[in-house]
């Protein structure tokens, strides 16, 4: 579920405190990590496009999988 903070989505990524996180995941030491790669806000339409990349590292730190997701938020009218 996504609850959009439109004020935050309009800010440049450089103003974010963090653009990545590590999530606790107890499955043989694997660690998923989402990275916020890009965010574009269109003031005229209030539409925001966000690109996230998800990485899964193994217990030894090796990269196992990577996938990307493009999320488009726009006001419901």
PDB file of N, CA and C in Angstrom:
ATOM      1  N   UNK A   1       0.852  -1.169   0.000  1.00  0.00           N
ATOM      2  CA  UNK A   1       0.000   0.000   0.000  1.00  0.00           C
ATOM      3  C   UNK A   1       0.896   1.229   0.000  1.00  0.00           C
ATOM      4  N   UNK A   2       0.559   2.185  -0.805  1.00  0.00           N
ATOM      5  CA  UNK A   2       1.313   3.429  -0.886  1.00  0.00           C
ATOM      6  C   UNK A   2       0.412   4.574  -0.449  1.00  0.00           C
ATOM      7  N   UNK A   3       0.887   5.333   0.516  1.00  0.00           N
ATOM      8  CA  UNK A   3       0.189   6.545   0.927  1.00  0.00           C
ATOM      9  C   UNK A   3       1.122   7.685   0.549  1.00  0.00           C
ATOM     10  N   UNK A   4       0.723   8.456  -0.414  1.00  0.00           N
ATOM     11  CA  UNK A   4       1.602   9.434  -1.040  1.00  0.00           C
ATOM     12  C   UNK A   4       1.653  10.735  -0.254  1.00  0.00           C
ATOM     13  N   UNK A   5       2.850  11.226  -0.014  1.00  0.00           N
ATOM     14  CA  UNK A   5       3.090  12.539   0.579  1.00  0.00           C
ATOM     15  C   UNK A   5       3.493  13.451  -0.577  1.00  0.00           C
ATOM     16  N   UNK A   6       2.527  14.169  -1.148  1.00  0.00           N
ATOM     17  CA  UNK A   6       2.795  14.958  -2.351  1.00  0.00           C
ATOM     18  C   UNK A   6       3.827  16.061  -2.125  1.00  0.00           C
ATOM     19  N   UNK A   7       3.889  16.632  -0.921  1.00  0.00           N
ATOM     20  CA  UNK A   7       4.913  17.645  -0.641  1.00  0.00           C
ATOM     21  C   UNK A   7       6.306  17.027  -0.748  1.00  0.00           C
ATOM     22  N   UNK A   8       6.453  15.847  -0.229  1.00  0.00           N
ATOM     23  CA  UNK A   8       7.756  15.169  -0.267  1.00  0.00           C
ATOM     24  C   UNK A   8       8.118  14.744  -1.693  1.00  0.00           C
ATOM     25  N   UNK A   9       7.146  14.266  -2.455  1.00  0.00           N
ATOM     26  CA  UNK A   9       7.426  13.809  -3.810  1.00  0.00           C
ATOM     27  C   UNK A   9       7.878  14.943  -4.723  1.00  0.00           C
ATOM     28  N   UNK A  10       7.523  16.171  -4.389  1.00  0.00           N
ATOM     29  CA  UNK A  10       7.923  17.313  -5.191  1.00  0.00           C
ATOM     30  C   UNK A  10       9.341  17.797  -4.930  1.00  0.00           C
ATOM     31  N   UNK A  11       9.994  17.267  -3.885  1.00  0.00           N
ATOM     32  CA  UNK A  11      11.359  17.689  -3.559  1.00  0.00           C
ATOM     33  C   UNK A  11      12.377  16.899  -4.376  1.00  0.00           C
ATOM     34  N   UNK A  12      13.510  17.525  -4.690  1.00  0.00           N
ATOM     35  CA  UNK A  12      14.584  16.790  -5.380  1.00  0.00           C
ATOM     36  C   UNK A  12      15.159  15.689  -4.485  1.00  0.00           C
ATOM     37  N   UNK A  13      15.671  14.624  -5.099  1.00  0.00           N
ATOM     38  CA  UNK A  13      16.255  13.525  -4.331  1.00  0.00           C
ATOM     39  C   UNK A  13      17.399  13.989  -3.447  1.00  0.00           C
ATOM     40  N   UNK A  14      18.110  15.020  -3.871  1.00  0.00           N
ATOM     41  CA  UNK A  14      19.240  15.527  -3.096  1.00  0.00           C
ATOM     42  C   UNK A  14      18.815  15.996  -1.707  1.00  0.00           C
ATOM     43  N   UNK A  15      17.529  16.310  -1.533  1.00  0.00           N
ATOM     44  CA  UNK A  15      17.031  16.774  -0.243  1.00  0.00           C
ATOM     45  C   UNK A  15      16.557  15.630   0.650  1.00  0.00           C
ATOM     46  N   UNK A  16      16.590  14.407   0.143  1.00  0.00           N
ATOM     47  CA  UNK A  16      16.173  13.253   0.944  1.00  0.00           C
ATOM     48  C   UNK A  16      17.270  12.880   1.927  1.00  0.00           C
ATOM     49  N   UNK A  17      16.877  12.460   3.112  1.00  0.00           N
ATOM     50  CA  UNK A  17      17.847  11.996   4.101  1.00  0.00           C
ATOM     51  C   UNK A  17      18.480  10.686   3.655  1.00  0.00           C
ATOM     52  N   UNK A  18      17.701   9.828   3.016  1.00  0.00           N
ATOM     53  CA  UNK A  18      18.212   8.543   2.546  1.00  0.00           C
ATOM     54  C   UNK A  18      17.468   8.138   1.291  1.00  0.00           C
ATOM     55  N   UNK A  19      18.176   7.494   0.367  1.00  0.00           N
ATOM     56  CA  UNK A  19      17.539   6.991  -0.845  1.00  0.00           C
ATOM     57  C   UNK A  19      17.660   5.475  -0.932  1.00  0.00           C
ATOM     58  N   UNK A  20      18.157   4.852   0.141  1.00  0.00           N
ATOM     59  CA  UNK A  20      18.210   3.397   0.187  1.00  0.00           C
ATOM     60  C   UNK A  20      18.012   2.943   1.623  1.00  0.00           C
ATOM     61  N   UNK A  21      17.645   1.685   1.756  1.00  0.00           N
ATOM     62  CA  UNK A  21      17.411   1.114   3.074  1.00  0.00           C
ATOM     63  C   UNK A  21      17.726  -0.368   3.028  1.00  0.00           C
ATOM     64  N   UNK A  22      18.055  -0.931   4.156  1.00  0.00           N
ATOM     65  CA  UNK A  22      18.202  -2.376   4.276  1.00  0.00           C
ATOM     66  C   UNK A  22      17.077  -2.874   5.166  1.00  0.00           C
ATOM     67  N   UNK A  23      16.419  -3.914   4.723  1.00  0.00           N
ATOM     68  CA  UNK A  23      15.257  -4.444   5.423  1.00  0.00           C
ATOM     69  C   UNK A  23      15.651  -5.745   6.110  1.00  0.00           C
ATOM     70  N   UNK A  24      15.225  -5.917   7.347  1.00  0.00           N
ATOM     71  CA  UNK A  24      15.483  -7.186   8.040  1.00  0.00           C
ATOM     72  C   UNK A  24      14.695  -8.283   7.348  1.00  0.00           C
ATOM     73  N   UNK A  25      15.359  -9.363   7.060  1.00  0.00           N
ATOM     74  CA  UNK A  25      14.735 -10.452   6.320  1.00  0.00           C
ATOM     75  C   UNK A  25      15.439 -11.726   6.752  1.00  0.00           C
ATOM     76  N   UNK A  26      14.777 -12.581   7.472  1.00  0.00           N
ATOM     77  CA  UNK A  26      15.423 -13.768   8.027  1.00  0.00           C
ATOM     78  C   UNK A  26      15.184 -14.966   7.119  1.00  0.00           C
ATOM     79  N   UNK A  27      16.007 -15.084   6.116  1.00  0.00           N
ATOM     80  CA  UNK A  27      15.927 -16.210   5.196  1.00  0.00           C
ATOM     81  C   UNK A  27      17.349 -16.571   4.792  1.00  0.00           C
ATOM     82  N   UNK A  28      18.020 -17.343   5.607  1.00  0.00           N
ATOM     83  CA  UNK A  28      19.389 -17.806   5.350  1.00  0.00           C
ATOM     84  C   UNK A  28      20.361 -16.640   5.189  1.00  0.00           C
ATOM     85  N   UNK A  29      20.116 -15.540   5.919  1.00  0.00           N
ATOM     86  CA  UNK A  29      21.042 -14.416   5.891  1.00  0.00           C
ATOM     87  C   UNK A  29      20.914 -13.498   4.696  1.00  0.00           C
ATOM     88  N   UNK A  30      19.914 -13.689   3.865  1.00  0.00           N
ATOM     89  CA  UNK A  30      19.728 -12.815   2.695  1.00  0.00           C
ATOM     90  C   UNK A  30      19.250 -11.438   3.142  1.00  0.00           C
ATOM     91  N   UNK A  31      19.632 -10.407   2.371  1.00  0.00           N
ATOM     92  CA  UNK A  31      19.233  -9.041   2.709  1.00  0.00           C
ATOM     93  C   UNK A  31      18.670  -8.344   1.477  1.00  0.00           C
ATOM     94  N   UNK A  32      17.387  -7.962   1.520  1.00  0.00           N
ATOM     95  CA  UNK A  32      16.823  -7.158   0.439  1.00  0.00           C
ATOM     96  C   UNK A  32      17.124  -5.683   0.682  1.00  0.00           C
ATOM     97  N   UNK A  33      17.352  -4.933  -0.391  1.00  0.00           N
ATOM     98  CA  UNK A  33      17.613  -3.497  -0.254  1.00  0.00           C
ATOM     99  C   UNK A  33      16.906  -2.744  -1.378  1.00  0.00           C
ATOM    100  N   UNK A  34      15.989  -1.834  -1.022  1.00  0.00           N
ATOM    101  CA  UNK A  34      15.393  -0.955  -2.030  1.00  0.00           C
ATOM    102  C   UNK A  34      16.228   0.317  -2.177  1.00  0.00           C
ATOM    103  N   UNK A  35      16.455   0.739  -3.406  1.00  0.00           N
ATOM    104  CA  UNK A  35      17.164   1.988  -3.701  1.00  0.00           C
ATOM    105  C   UNK A  35      16.245   2.887  -4.507  1.00  0.00           C
ATOM    106  N   UNK A  36      16.099   4.120  -4.082  1.00  0.00           N
ATOM    107  CA  UNK A  36      15.333   5.113  -4.823  1.00  0.00           C
ATOM    108  C   UNK A  36      16.277   5.709  -5.863  1.00  0.00           C
ATOM    109  N   UNK A  37      16.074   5.363  -7.144  1.00  0.00           N
ATOM    110  CA  UNK A  37      16.985   5.778  -8.205  1.00  0.00           C
ATOM    111  C   UNK A  37      16.618   7.110  -8.833  1.00  0.00           C
ATOM    112  N   UNK A  38      15.336   7.342  -8.966  1.00  0.00           N
ATOM    113  CA  UNK A  38      14.908   8.543  -9.704  1.00  0.00           C
ATOM    114  C   UNK A  38      13.515   8.944  -9.258  1.00  0.00           C
ATOM    115  N   UNK A  39      13.273  10.253  -9.257  1.00  0.00           N
ATOM    116  CA  UNK A  39      11.933  10.755  -8.967  1.00  0.00           C
ATOM    117  C   UNK A  39      11.723  12.025  -9.778  1.00  0.00           C
ATOM    118  N   UNK A  40      10.659  12.055 -10.552  1.00  0.00           N
ATOM    119  CA  UNK A  40      10.320  13.222 -11.370  1.00  0.00           C
ATOM    120  C   UNK A  40       8.918  13.678 -11.020  1.00  0.00           C
ATOM    121  N   UNK A  41       8.783  14.953 -10.700  1.00  0.00           N
ATOM    122  CA  UNK A  41       7.494  15.536 -10.330  1.00  0.00           C
ATOM    123  C   UNK A  41       7.101  16.552 -11.387  1.00  0.00           C
ATOM    124  N   UNK A  42       5.883  16.438 -11.889  1.00  0.00           N
ATOM    125  CA  UNK A  42       5.343  17.370 -12.875  1.00  0.00           C
ATOM    126  C   UNK A  42       4.320  18.264 -12.175  1.00  0.00           C
ATOM    127  N   UNK A  43       4.697  19.493 -11.812  1.00  0.00           N
ATOM    128  CA  UNK A  43       3.796  20.366 -11.051  1.00  0.00           C
ATOM    129  C   UNK A  43       2.445  20.619 -11.730  1.00  0.00           C
ATOM    130  N   UNK A  44       2.440  20.761 -13.049  1.00  0.00           N
ATOM    131  CA  UNK A  44       1.192  21.082 -13.751  1.00  0.00           C
ATOM    132  C   UNK A  44       0.148  19.980 -13.591  1.00  0.00           C
ATOM    133  N   UNK A  45       0.571  18.725 -13.587  1.00  0.00           N
ATOM    134  CA  UNK A  45      -0.357  17.603 -13.478  1.00  0.00           C
ATOM    135  C   UNK A  45      -0.325  16.950 -12.096  1.00  0.00           C
ATOM    136  N   UNK A  46       0.628  17.355 -11.252  1.00  0.00           N
ATOM    137  CA  UNK A  46       0.870  16.760  -9.937  1.00  0.00           C
ATOM    138  C   UNK A  46       1.187  15.270 -10.044  1.00  0.00           C
ATOM    139  N   UNK A  47       1.744  14.882 -11.174  1.00  0.00           N
ATOM    140  CA  UNK A  47       2.117  13.484 -11.421  1.00  0.00           C
ATOM    141  C   UNK A  47       3.577  13.272 -11.041  1.00  0.00           C
ATOM    142  N   UNK A  48       3.836  12.195 -10.313  1.00  0.00           N
ATOM    143  CA  UNK A  48       5.191  11.858  -9.897  1.00  0.00           C
ATOM    144  C   UNK A  48       5.534  10.463 -10.413  1.00  0.00           C
ATOM    145  N   UNK A  49       6.681  10.346 -11.042  1.00  0.00           N
ATOM    146  CA  UNK A  49       7.188   9.053 -11.477  1.00  0.00           C
ATOM    147  C   UNK A  49       8.415   8.723 -10.639  1.00  0.00           C
ATOM    148  N   UNK A  50       8.404   7.569 -10.020  1.00  0.00           N
ATOM    149  CA  UNK A  50       9.490   7.126  -9.161  1.00  0.00           C
ATOM    150  C   UNK A  50      10.035   5.798  -9.680  1.00  0.00           C
ATOM    151  N   UNK A  51      11.346   5.673  -9.719  1.00  0.00           N
ATOM    152  CA  UNK A  51      11.969   4.414 -10.114  1.00  0.00           C
ATOM    153  C   UNK A  51      12.721   3.854  -8.918  1.00  0.00           C
ATOM    154  N   UNK A  52      12.350   2.638  -8.544  1.00  0.00           N
ATOM    155  CA  UNK A  52      12.978   1.927  -7.433  1.00  0.00           C
ATOM    156  C   UNK A  52      13.718   0.714  -7.981  1.00  0.00           C
ATOM    157  N   UNK A  53      14.833   0.396  -7.368  1.00  0.00           N
ATOM    158  CA  UNK A  53      15.554  -0.834  -7.701  1.00  0.00           C
ATOM    159  C   UNK A  53      15.653  -1.666  -6.430  1.00  0.00           C
ATOM    160  N   UNK A  54      15.342  -2.932  -6.540  1.00  0.00           N
ATOM    161  CA  UNK A  54      15.401  -3.843  -5.410  1.00  0.00           C
ATOM    162  C   UNK A  54      16.528  -4.835  -5.642  1.00  0.00           C
ATOM    163  N   UNK A  55      17.423  -4.951  -4.672  1.00  0.00           N
ATOM    164  CA  UNK A  55      18.553  -5.876  -4.757  1.00  0.00           C
ATOM    165  C   UNK A  55      18.451  -6.891  -3.628  1.00  0.00           C
ATOM    166  N   UNK A  56      18.816  -8.141  -3.916  1.00  0.00           N
ATOM    167  CA  UNK A  56      18.856  -9.181  -2.894  1.00  0.00           C
ATOM    168  C   UNK A  56      20.285  -9.691  -2.804  1.00  0.00           C
ATOM    169  N   UNK A  57      20.876  -9.548  -1.619  1.00  0.00           N
ATOM    170  CA  UNK A  57      22.234 -10.032  -1.384  1.00  0.00           C
ATOM    171  C   UNK A  57      22.175 -11.309  -0.564  1.00  0.00           C
ATOM    172  N   UNK A  58      23.111 -12.211  -0.846  1.00  0.00           N
ATOM    173  CA  UNK A  58      23.201 -13.456  -0.104  1.00  0.00           C
ATOM    174  C   UNK A  58      23.888 -13.234   1.234  1.00  0.00           C
ATOM    175  N   UNK A  59      23.951 -14.284   2.033  1.00  0.00           N
ATOM    176  CA  UNK A  59      24.552 -14.211   3.356  1.00  0.00           C
ATOM    177  C   UNK A  59      26.017 -13.786   3.291  1.00  0.00           C
ATOM    178  N   UNK A  60      26.701 -14.092   2.192  1.00  0.00           N
ATOM    179  CA  UNK A  60      28.112 -13.717   2.037  1.00  0.00           C
ATOM    180  C   UNK A  60      28.286 -12.338   1.410  1.00  0.00           C
ATOM    181  N   UNK A  61      27.173 -11.626   1.167  1.00  0.00           N
ATOM    182  CA  UNK A  61      27.232 -10.284   0.605  1.00  0.00           C
ATOM    183  C   UNK A  61      27.171 -10.230  -0.906  1.00  0.00           C
ATOM    184  N   UNK A  62      27.169 -11.390  -1.571  1.00  0.00           N
ATOM    185  CA  UNK A  62      27.128 -11.400  -3.035  1.00  0.00           C
ATOM    186  C   UNK A  62      25.729 -11.037  -3.530  1.00  0.00           C
ATOM    187  N   UNK A  63      25.682 -10.324  -4.632  1.00  0.00           N
ATOM    188  CA  UNK A  63      24.417  -9.907  -5.230  1.00  0.00           C
ATOM    189  C   UNK A  63      23.765 -11.100  -5.908  1.00  0.00           C
ATOM    190  N   UNK A  64      22.528 -11.414  -5.510  1.00  0.00           N
ATOM    191  CA  UNK A  64      21.821 -12.560  -6.070  1.00  0.00           C
ATOM    192  C   UNK A  64      20.809 -12.172  -7.142  1.00  0.00           C
ATOM    193  N   UNK A  65      20.051 -11.101  -6.885  1.00  0.00           N
ATOM    194  CA  UNK A  65      18.993 -10.691  -7.827  1.00  0.00           C
ATOM    195  C   UNK A  65      18.812  -9.189  -7.771  1.00  0.00           C
ATOM    196  N   UNK A  66      18.369  -8.633  -8.897  1.00  0.00           N
ATOM    197  CA  UNK A  66      18.048  -7.213  -8.982  1.00  0.00           C
ATOM    198  C   UNK A  66      16.794  -7.069  -9.843  1.00  0.00           C
ATOM    199  N   UNK A  67      15.874  -6.236  -9.406  1.00  0.00           N
ATOM    200  CA  UNK A  67      14.713  -5.915 -10.222  1.00  0.00           C
ATOM    201  C   UNK A  67      14.370  -4.446 -10.014  1.00  0.00           C
ATOM    202  N   UNK A  68      13.692  -3.863 -10.981  1.00  0.00           N
ATOM    203  CA  UNK A  68      13.324  -2.443 -10.915  1.00  0.00           C
ATOM    204  C   UNK A  68      11.816  -2.305 -11.025  1.00  0.00           C
ATOM    205  N   UNK A  69      11.338  -1.192 -10.511  1.00  0.00           N
ATOM    206  CA  UNK A  69       9.903  -0.910 -10.521  1.00  0.00           C
ATOM    207  C   UNK A  69       9.706   0.575 -10.785  1.00  0.00           C
ATOM    208  N   UNK A  70       8.791   0.894 -11.679  1.00  0.00           N
ATOM    209  CA  UNK A  70       8.427   2.294 -11.946  1.00  0.00           C
ATOM    210  C   UNK A  70       7.033   2.516 -11.357  1.00  0.00           C
ATOM    211  N   UNK A  71       6.939   3.473 -10.447  1.00  0.00           N
ATOM    212  CA  UNK A  71       5.662   3.816  -9.811  1.00  0.00           C
ATOM    213  C   UNK A  71       5.229   5.193 -10.309  1.00  0.00           C
ATOM    214  N   UNK A  72       3.988   5.291 -10.692  1.00  0.00           N
ATOM    215  CA  UNK A  72       3.433   6.568 -11.153  1.00  0.00           C
ATOM    216  C   UNK A  72       2.295   6.945 -10.216  1.00  0.00           C
ATOM    217  N   UNK A  73       2.448   8.083  -9.576  1.00  0.00           N
ATOM    218  CA  UNK A  73       1.429   8.617  -8.676  1.00  0.00           C
ATOM    219  C   UNK A  73       0.796   9.829  -9.352  1.00  0.00           C
ATOM    220  N   UNK A  74      -0.518   9.852  -9.377  1.00  0.00           N
ATOM    221  CA  UNK A  74      -1.209  11.031  -9.876  1.00  0.00           C
ATOM    222  C   UNK A  74      -2.488  11.206  -9.071  1.00  0.00           C
ATOM    223  N   UNK A  75      -2.923  12.448  -8.935  1.00  0.00           N
ATOM    224  CA  UNK A  75      -4.125  12.682  -8.126  1.00  0.00           C
ATOM    225  C   UNK A  75      -5.347  12.007  -8.722  1.00  0.00           C
ATOM    226  N   UNK A  76      -6.174  11.492  -7.857  1.00  0.00           N
ATOM    227  CA  UNK A  76      -7.439  10.907  -8.272  1.00  0.00           C
ATOM    228  C   UNK A  76      -8.434  12.031  -8.467  1.00  0.00           C
ATOM    229  N   UNK A  77      -8.957  12.136  -9.652  1.00  0.00           N
ATOM    230  CA  UNK A  77      -9.907  13.227  -9.942  1.00  0.00           C
ATOM    231  C   UNK A  77     -11.208  12.692 -10.435  1.00  0.00           C
TER     232      UNK A  77
END
